[in-house]
Amino acid sequence: MIARVWQARTSGPETTEKYRQVFEAEVLANLCGIDGFHGAYLLARQERGSVHIRTLTLFESIDAIKRFAVDDHEREHVTSAARATLLDSDPAIRHFDVLTAFPQA
């Protein structure tokens, strides 16, 4: 299994909530249709006047990730609605091999 990690920032709790809504309505809806998708986490931490968010998505393989991020699986895949809620984001995606997971995904 592979964990796909992306990071961004919002201006505060209100825009973080808007991002969460977009994430659930658009991103998760798309991910759930991908064969090989195994789950997602949306994380947030308030820090110095902004909110740092991270998404961690779990996939069976790089091929499954490529089914989601068709253009370039190592670059962010952000909808225009999601982009509108962000201060900035890291365009680079980090992929990690999942060595242990509990409970099993």
C-alpha atoms as a PDB file:
ATOM      1  CA  MET A   1       0.000   0.000   0.000  1.00  0.00           C
ATOM      2  CA  ILE A   2       1.134   3.560  -0.694  1.00  0.00           C
ATOM      3  CA  ALA A   3       0.303   6.710   1.272  1.00  0.00           C
ATOM      4  CA  ARG A   4      -0.003   9.897  -0.788  1.00  0.00           C
ATOM      5  CA  VAL A   5       0.660  13.027   1.302  1.00  0.00           C
ATOM      6  CA  TRP A   6      -0.124  16.607   0.268  1.00  0.00           C
ATOM      7  CA  GLN A   7       0.015  19.843   2.235  1.00  0.00           C
ATOM      8  CA  ALA A   8      -1.530  23.298   2.013  1.00  0.00           C
ATOM      9  CA  ARG A   9      -2.619  26.244   4.169  1.00  0.00           C
ATOM     10  CA  THR A  10      -5.879  28.049   4.729  1.00  0.00           C
ATOM     11  CA  SER A  11      -6.385  31.450   6.340  1.00  0.00           C
ATOM     12  CA  GLY A  12      -8.289  30.120   9.338  1.00  0.00           C
ATOM     13  CA  PRO A  13     -11.054  27.877  10.669  1.00  0.00           C
ATOM     14  CA  GLU A  14     -13.751  29.192   8.303  1.00  0.00           C
ATOM     15  CA  THR A  15     -11.762  28.524   5.138  1.00  0.00           C
ATOM     16  CA  THR A  16     -10.601  25.194   6.564  1.00  0.00           C
ATOM     17  CA  GLU A  17     -14.250  24.225   6.979  1.00  0.00           C
ATOM     18  CA  LYS A  18     -14.925  25.286   3.376  1.00  0.00           C
ATOM     19  CA  TYR A  19     -11.980  23.162   2.226  1.00  0.00           C
ATOM     20  CA  ARG A  20     -13.320  20.217   4.252  1.00  0.00           C
ATOM     21  CA  GLN A  21     -16.676  20.540   2.538  1.00  0.00           C
ATOM     22  CA  VAL A  22     -15.052  20.601  -0.910  1.00  0.00           C
ATOM     23  CA  PHE A  23     -12.792  17.690   0.051  1.00  0.00           C
ATOM     24  CA  GLU A  24     -15.765  15.573   1.088  1.00  0.00           C
ATOM     25  CA  ALA A  25     -18.055  16.578  -1.794  1.00  0.00           C
ATOM     26  CA  GLU A  26     -15.587  16.578  -4.686  1.00  0.00           C
ATOM     27  CA  VAL A  27     -12.327  14.887  -3.798  1.00  0.00           C
ATOM     28  CA  LEU A  28     -13.693  11.925  -1.833  1.00  0.00           C
ATOM     29  CA  ALA A  29     -16.453  11.418  -4.382  1.00  0.00           C
ATOM     30  CA  ASN A  30     -13.790  11.128  -7.078  1.00  0.00           C
ATOM     31  CA  LEU A  31     -11.466   8.965  -4.969  1.00  0.00           C
ATOM     32  CA  CYS A  32     -14.202   6.498  -4.058  1.00  0.00           C
ATOM     33  CA  GLY A  33     -14.618   5.724  -7.748  1.00  0.00           C
ATOM     34  CA  ILE A  34     -10.940   4.784  -8.152  1.00  0.00           C
ATOM     35  CA  ASP A  35     -10.152   1.082  -8.146  1.00  0.00           C
ATOM     36  CA  GLY A  36      -7.338   0.608  -5.628  1.00  0.00           C
ATOM     37  CA  PHE A  37      -8.271   3.544  -3.343  1.00  0.00           C
ATOM     38  CA  HIS A  38      -8.214   2.455   0.309  1.00  0.00           C
ATOM     39  CA  GLY A  39      -9.032   5.509   2.411  1.00  0.00           C
ATOM     40  CA  ALA A  40      -8.299   9.141   3.219  1.00  0.00           C
ATOM     41  CA  TYR A  41      -7.535  11.415   6.138  1.00  0.00           C
ATOM     42  CA  LEU A  42      -7.820  15.199   6.220  1.00  0.00           C
ATOM     43  CA  LEU A  43      -5.660  16.679   8.983  1.00  0.00           C
ATOM     44  CA  ALA A  44      -5.468  20.267  10.263  1.00  0.00           C
ATOM     45  CA  ARG A  45      -3.281  22.204  12.696  1.00  0.00           C
ATOM     46  CA  GLN A  46      -3.624  25.884  13.579  1.00  0.00           C
ATOM     47  CA  GLU A  47      -0.254  27.614  13.559  1.00  0.00           C
ATOM     48  CA  ARG A  48       0.733  31.288  13.510  1.00  0.00           C
ATOM     49  CA  GLY A  49      -2.458  32.741  12.088  1.00  0.00           C
ATOM     50  CA  SER A  50      -3.170  30.082   9.480  1.00  0.00           C
ATOM     51  CA  VAL A  51      -4.261  26.475   9.379  1.00  0.00           C
ATOM     52  CA  HIS A  52      -1.918  23.869   7.948  1.00  0.00           C
ATOM     53  CA  ILE A  53      -3.778  21.018   6.315  1.00  0.00           C
ATOM     54  CA  ARG A  54      -2.529  17.647   5.151  1.00  0.00           C
ATOM     55  CA  THR A  55      -4.274  15.025   3.154  1.00  0.00           C
ATOM     56  CA  LEU A  56      -3.192  11.446   3.445  1.00  0.00           C
ATOM     57  CA  THR A  57      -4.739   9.122   0.926  1.00  0.00           C
ATOM     58  CA  LEU A  58      -4.104   5.404   0.719  1.00  0.00           C
ATOM     59  CA  PHE A  59      -3.805   3.472  -2.501  1.00  0.00           C
ATOM     60  CA  GLU A  60      -3.053  -0.103  -3.450  1.00  0.00           C
ATOM     61  CA  SER A  61      -0.305   0.905  -5.915  1.00  0.00           C
ATOM     62  CA  ILE A  62       1.245   3.672  -7.987  1.00  0.00           C
ATOM     63  CA  ASP A  63      -1.012   2.524 -10.833  1.00  0.00           C
ATOM     64  CA  ALA A  64      -4.066   3.251  -8.658  1.00  0.00           C
ATOM     65  CA  ILE A  65      -2.633   6.703  -7.855  1.00  0.00           C
ATOM     66  CA  LYS A  66      -2.157   7.341 -11.572  1.00  0.00           C
ATOM     67  CA  ARG A  67      -5.844   6.534 -12.125  1.00  0.00           C
ATOM     68  CA  PHE A  68      -6.611   9.426  -9.739  1.00  0.00           C
ATOM     69  CA  ALA A  69      -3.913  11.904 -10.796  1.00  0.00           C
ATOM     70  CA  VAL A  70      -3.906  11.248 -14.511  1.00  0.00           C
ATOM     71  CA  ASP A  71      -1.707  14.170 -15.634  1.00  0.00           C
ATOM     72  CA  ASP A  72       1.198  13.808 -13.187  1.00  0.00           C
ATOM     73  CA  HIS A  73       0.967  11.597 -10.100  1.00  0.00           C
ATOM     74  CA  GLU A  74       3.816  13.457  -8.376  1.00  0.00           C
ATOM     75  CA  ARG A  75       2.075  16.859  -8.554  1.00  0.00           C
ATOM     76  CA  GLU A  76      -0.928  18.126  -6.641  1.00  0.00           C
ATOM     77  CA  HIS A  77      -4.398  17.519  -8.031  1.00  0.00           C
ATOM     78  CA  VAL A  78      -6.555  20.425  -6.747  1.00  0.00           C
ATOM     79  CA  THR A  79      -9.984  21.391  -8.047  1.00  0.00           C
ATOM     80  CA  SER A  80     -10.768  25.065  -8.629  1.00  0.00           C
ATOM     81  CA  ALA A  81     -13.281  25.012  -5.759  1.00  0.00           C
ATOM     82  CA  ALA A  82     -10.620  23.635  -3.415  1.00  0.00           C
ATOM     83  CA  ARG A  83      -8.010  26.103  -4.695  1.00  0.00           C
ATOM     84  CA  ALA A  84     -10.355  28.993  -3.841  1.00  0.00           C
ATOM     85  CA  THR A  85     -10.152  28.083  -0.129  1.00  0.00           C
ATOM     86  CA  LEU A  86      -6.345  27.915   0.086  1.00  0.00           C
ATOM     87  CA  LEU A  87      -3.677  30.486   0.887  1.00  0.00           C
ATOM     88  CA  ASP A  88      -1.071  28.294  -0.741  1.00  0.00           C
ATOM     89  CA  SER A  89      -0.121  24.689  -1.292  1.00  0.00           C
ATOM     90  CA  ASP A  90       2.871  22.517  -1.974  1.00  0.00           C
ATOM     91  CA  PRO A  91       2.612  21.347  -5.582  1.00  0.00           C
ATOM     92  CA  ALA A  92       4.840  18.337  -4.870  1.00  0.00           C
ATOM     93  CA  ILE A  93       3.261  15.138  -3.601  1.00  0.00           C
ATOM     94  CA  ARG A  94       5.108  12.759  -1.349  1.00  0.00           C
ATOM     95  CA  HIS A  95       4.498   9.037  -1.606  1.00  0.00           C
ATOM     96  CA  PHE A  96       5.414   6.621   1.167  1.00  0.00           C
ATOM     97  CA  ASP A  97       5.323   2.848   1.244  1.00  0.00           C
ATOM     98  CA  VAL A  98       3.077   1.758   4.103  1.00  0.00           C
ATOM     99  CA  LEU A  99       5.116  -0.746   6.092  1.00  0.00           C
ATOM    100  CA  THR A 100       2.589  -1.368   8.855  1.00  0.00           C
ATOM    101  CA  ALA A 101      -1.066  -0.448   9.147  1.00  0.00           C
ATOM    102  CA  PHE A 102      -3.406  -1.160  12.024  1.00  0.00           C
ATOM    103  CA  PRO A 103      -6.137  -2.002  11.631  1.00  0.00           C
ATOM    104  CA  GLN A 104      -5.431  -3.478   8.233  1.00  0.00           C
ATOM    105  CA  ALA A 105      -6.812  -1.335   5.432  1.00  0.00           C
END
